[in-house]
Amino acid sequence: MAYRYGGRGIGLIGIIYIIIGVFVAWDRGYIYEDLLRRVGSALLAIFLWFLVLLEVDLHINA
């Protein structure tokens, strides 16, 4: 028999809290386009690391 410990995850209130936080950070200049491009490129490189080893350029340019 499996027992589940803890809550149900982040929940709707948590998601709303994060969305508002992202909006406020964007509005106050903590998050900007170049930062999003760099984070996006880094995430692509992390999840598609095998393509990086094959010398595929995963940088996001706009």
N, C-alpha and C. Protein backbone atom coordinates (compact mmCIF):
# COMPACT_ATOMS: atom_id res chain seq x y z
N MET A 1 0.85 -1.16 0.00
CA MET A 1 0.00 0.00 0.00
C MET A 1 0.90 1.24 0.00
N ALA A 2 0.59 2.16 -0.87
CA ALA A 2 1.40 3.38 -0.98
C ALA A 2 0.75 4.51 -0.19
N TYR A 3 1.58 5.19 0.55
CA TYR A 3 1.11 6.36 1.30
C TYR A 3 1.70 7.60 0.68
N ARG A 4 0.92 8.63 0.64
CA ARG A 4 1.39 9.89 0.07
C ARG A 4 1.58 10.89 1.20
N TYR A 5 2.78 11.42 1.27
CA TYR A 5 3.10 12.41 2.28
C TYR A 5 3.14 13.79 1.63
N GLY A 6 2.83 14.79 2.39
CA GLY A 6 2.91 16.16 1.89
C GLY A 6 1.62 16.61 1.24
N GLY A 7 1.72 17.77 0.62
CA GLY A 7 0.54 18.37 0.00
C GLY A 7 0.36 17.93 -1.44
N ARG A 8 -0.46 18.68 -2.15
CA ARG A 8 -0.79 18.34 -3.52
C ARG A 8 0.09 19.07 -4.51
N GLY A 9 1.14 19.70 -4.07
CA GLY A 9 1.99 20.44 -4.99
C GLY A 9 1.85 21.93 -4.75
N ILE A 10 2.11 22.70 -5.77
CA ILE A 10 2.15 24.15 -5.62
C ILE A 10 0.75 24.76 -5.52
N GLY A 11 -0.20 24.25 -6.24
CA GLY A 11 -1.58 24.73 -6.16
C GLY A 11 -1.82 26.03 -6.91
N LEU A 12 -3.07 26.39 -7.01
CA LEU A 12 -3.48 27.57 -7.76
C LEU A 12 -2.98 28.86 -7.11
N ILE A 13 -3.05 28.94 -5.80
CA ILE A 13 -2.58 30.15 -5.10
C ILE A 13 -1.08 30.35 -5.33
N GLY A 14 -0.33 29.27 -5.30
CA GLY A 14 1.11 29.35 -5.54
C GLY A 14 1.43 29.82 -6.95
N ILE A 15 0.68 29.34 -7.93
CA ILE A 15 0.90 29.76 -9.32
C ILE A 15 0.57 31.23 -9.48
N ILE A 16 -0.52 31.69 -8.90
CA ILE A 16 -0.89 33.11 -8.97
C ILE A 16 0.18 33.97 -8.30
N TYR A 17 0.69 33.51 -7.16
CA TYR A 17 1.74 34.22 -6.43
C TYR A 17 3.00 34.37 -7.31
N ILE A 18 3.38 33.30 -8.00
CA ILE A 18 4.56 33.34 -8.87
C ILE A 18 4.32 34.26 -10.06
N ILE A 19 3.14 34.21 -10.67
CA ILE A 19 2.83 35.07 -11.82
C ILE A 19 2.90 36.53 -11.42
N ILE A 20 2.33 36.87 -10.28
CA ILE A 20 2.39 38.26 -9.80
C ILE A 20 3.83 38.65 -9.53
N GLY A 21 4.63 37.75 -8.94
CA GLY A 21 6.03 38.04 -8.68
C GLY A 21 6.82 38.29 -9.95
N VAL A 22 6.57 37.50 -10.98
CA VAL A 22 7.25 37.69 -12.27
C VAL A 22 6.85 39.03 -12.87
N PHE A 23 5.57 39.38 -12.80
CA PHE A 23 5.12 40.67 -13.33
C PHE A 23 5.78 41.84 -12.61
N VAL A 24 5.83 41.77 -11.29
CA VAL A 24 6.44 42.85 -10.50
C VAL A 24 7.94 42.96 -10.81
N ALA A 25 8.62 41.80 -10.91
CA ALA A 25 10.05 41.82 -11.22
C ALA A 25 10.30 42.39 -12.61
N TRP A 26 9.43 42.06 -13.58
CA TRP A 26 9.56 42.60 -14.94
C TRP A 26 9.33 44.12 -14.91
N ASP A 27 8.32 44.54 -14.20
CA ASP A 27 7.96 45.96 -14.12
C ASP A 27 9.07 46.79 -13.47
N ARG A 28 9.75 46.22 -12.49
CA ARG A 28 10.80 46.94 -11.75
C ARG A 28 12.18 46.79 -12.38
N GLY A 29 12.28 46.07 -13.49
CA GLY A 29 13.54 45.97 -14.21
C GLY A 29 14.47 44.85 -13.77
N TYR A 30 13.99 43.93 -12.94
CA TYR A 30 14.81 42.81 -12.53
C TYR A 30 14.87 41.73 -13.62
N ILE A 31 13.84 41.64 -14.43
CA ILE A 31 13.78 40.70 -15.55
C ILE A 31 13.66 41.53 -16.82
N TYR A 32 14.49 41.20 -17.82
CA TYR A 32 14.47 41.93 -19.08
C TYR A 32 14.71 40.94 -20.21
N GLU A 33 14.55 41.41 -21.45
CA GLU A 33 14.57 40.52 -22.61
C GLU A 33 15.86 39.73 -22.74
N ASP A 34 17.00 40.41 -22.59
CA ASP A 34 18.28 39.72 -22.74
C ASP A 34 18.44 38.62 -21.70
N LEU A 35 17.98 38.89 -20.49
CA LEU A 35 18.04 37.87 -19.44
C LEU A 35 17.19 36.66 -19.82
N LEU A 36 16.00 36.90 -20.35
CA LEU A 36 15.13 35.79 -20.76
C LEU A 36 15.76 34.97 -21.88
N ARG A 37 16.43 35.65 -22.84
CA ARG A 37 17.12 34.94 -23.91
C ARG A 37 18.24 34.07 -23.35
N ARG A 38 19.01 34.61 -22.42
CA ARG A 38 20.12 33.86 -21.86
C ARG A 38 19.63 32.66 -21.04
N VAL A 39 18.59 32.87 -20.25
CA VAL A 39 18.04 31.77 -19.46
C VAL A 39 17.44 30.71 -20.39
N GLY A 40 16.75 31.15 -21.43
CA GLY A 40 16.18 30.21 -22.40
C GLY A 40 17.26 29.40 -23.09
N SER A 41 18.34 30.05 -23.50
CA SER A 41 19.45 29.34 -24.12
C SER A 41 20.08 28.35 -23.15
N ALA A 42 20.24 28.76 -21.90
CA ALA A 42 20.82 27.87 -20.90
C ALA A 42 19.93 26.65 -20.67
N LEU A 43 18.62 26.86 -20.58
CA LEU A 43 17.70 25.74 -20.38
C LEU A 43 17.72 24.78 -21.57
N LEU A 44 17.77 25.34 -22.78
CA LEU A 44 17.87 24.49 -23.96
C LEU A 44 19.14 23.66 -23.92
N ALA A 45 20.26 24.29 -23.55
CA ALA A 45 21.54 23.59 -23.48
C ALA A 45 21.51 22.50 -22.41
N ILE A 46 20.82 22.75 -21.31
CA ILE A 46 20.74 21.75 -20.24
C ILE A 46 19.92 20.55 -20.68
N PHE A 47 18.75 20.79 -21.27
CA PHE A 47 17.87 19.69 -21.63
C PHE A 47 18.25 19.01 -22.95
N LEU A 48 18.96 19.75 -23.81
CA LEU A 48 19.37 19.18 -25.10
C LEU A 48 20.89 19.11 -25.18
N TRP A 49 21.54 18.71 -24.08
CA TRP A 49 23.00 18.70 -23.98
C TRP A 49 23.66 17.86 -25.06
N PHE A 50 22.99 16.82 -25.50
CA PHE A 50 23.57 15.96 -26.54
C PHE A 50 23.72 16.72 -27.86
N LEU A 51 22.84 17.70 -28.12
CA LEU A 51 22.99 18.52 -29.32
C LEU A 51 24.16 19.47 -29.18
N VAL A 52 24.41 19.94 -27.98
CA VAL A 52 25.56 20.81 -27.74
C VAL A 52 26.85 20.03 -28.03
N LEU A 53 26.89 18.76 -27.62
CA LEU A 53 28.06 17.94 -27.90
C LEU A 53 28.26 17.72 -29.40
N LEU A 54 27.17 17.79 -30.16
CA LEU A 54 27.25 17.68 -31.62
C LEU A 54 27.48 19.03 -32.28
N GLU A 55 27.79 20.04 -31.45
CA GLU A 55 28.11 21.41 -31.88
C GLU A 55 26.94 22.13 -32.53
N VAL A 56 25.73 21.84 -32.08
CA VAL A 56 24.54 22.57 -32.52
C VAL A 56 24.45 23.85 -31.69
N ASP A 57 24.26 24.98 -32.34
CA ASP A 57 24.16 26.26 -31.64
C ASP A 57 22.74 26.43 -31.12
N LEU A 58 22.58 26.49 -29.80
CA LEU A 58 21.27 26.61 -29.18
C LEU A 58 21.02 28.02 -28.63
N HIS A 59 21.84 28.99 -29.03
CA HIS A 59 21.64 30.35 -28.53
C HIS A 59 20.38 30.95 -29.18
N ILE A 60 19.60 31.62 -28.37
CA ILE A 60 18.39 32.28 -28.86
C ILE A 60 18.76 33.70 -29.25
N ASN A 61 18.60 34.02 -30.51
CA ASN A 61 18.88 35.38 -31.01
C ASN A 61 17.62 35.98 -31.58
N ALA A 62 17.40 37.24 -31.28
CA ALA A 62 16.19 37.89 -31.81
C ALA A 62 16.56 39.10 -32.63
